[in-house]
Protein backbone atom coordinates (compact mmCIF):
# COMPACT_ATOMS: atom_id res chain seq x y z
CA MET A 1 30.29 23.13 -47.16
CA ILE A 2 29.01 23.57 -43.60
CA SER A 3 28.73 27.09 -42.29
CA ARG A 4 30.26 28.11 -39.00
CA MET A 5 26.79 28.43 -37.38
CA GLU A 6 25.82 24.91 -38.44
CA ALA A 7 29.11 23.58 -37.06
CA TYR A 8 28.40 25.26 -33.70
CA CYS A 9 24.90 23.79 -33.62
CA VAL A 10 26.22 20.30 -34.34
CA ALA A 11 28.91 20.67 -31.67
CA ILE A 12 26.37 21.80 -29.07
CA ALA A 13 23.99 18.97 -29.98
CA VAL A 14 26.79 16.41 -29.58
CA LEU A 15 27.79 17.84 -26.20
CA VAL A 16 24.21 17.81 -24.94
CA ALA A 17 23.75 14.23 -26.14
CA LEU A 18 26.89 13.18 -24.27
CA VAL A 19 26.14 15.02 -21.02
CA LEU A 20 22.39 14.35 -20.59
CA PRO A 21 22.53 10.59 -20.02
CA MET A 22 25.21 11.04 -17.35
CA SER A 23 23.22 13.56 -15.33
CA ALA A 24 20.10 11.38 -15.15
CA GLY A 25 21.76 8.43 -13.46
CA ALA A 26 20.49 8.82 -9.88
CA THR A 27 20.11 5.60 -7.95
CA PRO A 28 16.94 5.31 -5.88
CA ILE A 29 17.22 4.85 -2.12
CA VAL A 30 14.95 2.15 -0.71
CA PHE A 31 13.87 2.06 2.93
CA GLU A 32 12.42 -1.23 4.14
CA GLY A 33 11.21 -2.15 7.59
CA ALA A 34 8.93 -4.81 9.01
CA GLY A 35 7.89 -5.91 12.45
CA PRO A 36 5.02 -6.55 14.80
CA ASP A 37 4.79 -2.97 16.08
CA ALA A 38 5.89 0.61 15.46
CA THR A 39 8.90 0.28 17.75
CA SER A 40 10.42 -2.45 15.61
CA ILE A 41 10.54 -0.23 12.50
CA GLN A 42 11.45 3.04 14.25
CA ALA A 43 15.10 2.91 13.12
CA THR A 44 13.99 2.66 9.47
CA VAL A 45 11.53 5.53 9.96
CA ASN A 46 14.29 7.67 11.46
CA ASP A 47 16.61 6.86 8.53
CA PHE A 48 13.84 7.87 6.10
CA ARG A 49 13.28 11.16 7.93
CA ALA A 50 16.99 11.96 8.02
CA ALA A 51 17.63 11.25 4.32
CA PRO A 52 16.38 14.62 2.97
CA GLY A 53 18.51 16.54 5.46
CA LYS A 54 18.40 18.26 8.80
CA PRO A 55 16.92 20.21 10.48
CA ASN A 56 13.23 19.40 10.47
CA ASN A 57 11.70 22.69 9.29
CA ALA A 58 8.13 21.59 10.15
CA ASN A 59 5.65 23.94 8.42
CA ALA A 60 7.96 26.96 8.45
CA PRO A 61 7.52 29.29 5.46
CA GLY A 62 10.44 29.50 3.08
CA PRO A 63 12.60 29.85 1.25
CA LEU A 64 14.67 27.60 3.51
CA PHE A 65 18.03 26.51 2.17
CA THR A 66 18.66 23.55 4.47
CA GLY A 67 16.54 20.90 6.07
CA ARG A 68 13.32 19.23 5.16
CA PRO A 69 9.60 19.99 5.54
CA ALA A 70 7.48 17.83 7.83
CA ILE A 71 3.78 18.40 7.37
CA ASN A 72 1.51 17.61 10.30
CA TRP A 73 -1.30 15.90 8.38
CA GLY A 74 -3.25 15.04 11.54
CA GLY A 75 -3.08 18.51 13.04
CA GLY A 76 -6.68 19.58 12.28
CA GLY A 77 -8.32 17.78 15.14
CA GLN A 78 -11.99 17.10 15.66
CA ALA A 79 -12.69 20.66 16.79
CA THR A 80 -11.88 22.04 13.33
CA THR A 81 -13.33 19.33 11.08
CA SER A 82 -16.89 18.49 10.15
CA ASN A 83 -18.53 15.30 8.95
CA THR A 84 -21.55 17.06 7.43
CA ALA A 85 -21.79 18.14 3.84
CA SER A 86 -21.81 21.87 3.24
CA SER A 87 -24.31 23.42 0.87
């Protein structure tokens, strides 16, 4: 005979097995653009930027509950970088 605790464990295991596959069914979003210059793909770039949400929070510290981060990777500039190895 199965104890009440074992019956609960089996019931929970069955529920988890039924729910998990449903929650992992996200469909990927693909952004494709091609053209001879940056202007020709700008609409695709804008769609990609808008997908995570608005507003653009730039490098603002969080927690931020809406919007998306946009990191300025090229913001260092030549004045703050060095090409020589440090010792």
